[in-house]
Amino acid sequence: MVSVLVRHFVMYYFASTLHSFGSWEIRRKARELTDIKKGDFGLLHHTQGRLV
């Protein structure tokens, strides 16, 4: 559970950083990696994403 929270913190920080630079190519790659990382945690990720 802790690893999931840490992953969310890193992804939010990473996303905000990419948003500042506006690097669409890196953001697209990051999204692909995020989709792969979700896997079975897709539902959990969606729930926590709405709670945050």
Protein backbone atom coordinates (compact mmCIF):
# COMPACT_ATOMS: atom_id res chain seq x y z
CA MET A 1 0.00 0.00 0.00
CA VAL A 2 2.85 2.35 0.85
CA SER A 3 4.51 1.70 -2.49
CA VAL A 4 1.27 2.70 -4.24
CA LEU A 5 1.13 6.00 -2.34
CA VAL A 6 4.78 6.71 -3.10
CA ARG A 7 4.14 5.89 -6.76
CA HIS A 8 1.25 8.36 -6.82
CA PHE A 9 3.39 11.09 -5.25
CA VAL A 10 6.12 10.51 -7.81
CA MET A 11 3.68 10.47 -10.72
CA TYR A 12 1.96 13.67 -9.57
CA TYR A 13 5.32 15.42 -9.11
CA PHE A 14 6.52 14.07 -12.45
CA ALA A 15 3.30 15.15 -14.19
CA SER A 16 3.46 18.66 -12.72
CA THR A 17 7.09 18.97 -13.80
CA LEU A 18 6.25 17.85 -17.33
CA HIS A 19 3.33 20.27 -17.38
CA SER A 20 5.68 23.13 -16.55
CA PHE A 21 8.05 22.25 -19.38
CA GLY A 22 5.21 21.28 -21.70
CA SER A 23 7.10 18.32 -23.14
CA TRP A 24 4.35 16.42 -24.93
CA GLU A 25 6.64 13.63 -26.16
CA ILE A 26 7.92 12.81 -22.67
CA ARG A 27 4.41 13.10 -21.26
CA ARG A 28 3.17 10.63 -23.87
CA LYS A 29 5.91 8.15 -22.95
CA ALA A 30 5.18 8.65 -19.26
CA ARG A 31 1.51 7.91 -19.92
CA GLU A 32 2.44 4.67 -21.68
CA LEU A 33 4.61 3.65 -18.71
CA THR A 34 1.78 4.59 -16.35
CA ASP A 35 -0.68 2.38 -18.26
CA ILE A 36 1.77 -0.51 -17.99
CA LYS A 37 2.35 0.08 -14.28
CA LYS A 38 -1.40 0.19 -13.55
CA GLY A 39 -2.06 -3.42 -14.47
CA ASP A 40 -4.18 -5.00 -11.72
CA PHE A 41 -4.03 -1.76 -9.72
CA GLY A 42 -6.15 0.03 -12.32
CA LEU A 43 -9.25 0.16 -10.12
CA LEU A 44 -7.23 1.10 -7.03
CA HIS A 45 -5.43 3.82 -8.97
CA HIS A 46 -8.72 5.22 -10.22
CA THR A 47 -10.21 5.29 -6.71
CA GLN A 48 -7.21 6.97 -5.10
CA GLY A 49 -7.00 9.40 -7.99
CA ARG A 50 -10.52 10.61 -7.23
CA LEU A 51 -9.90 10.78 -3.47
CA VAL A 52 -6.77 12.92 -3.81
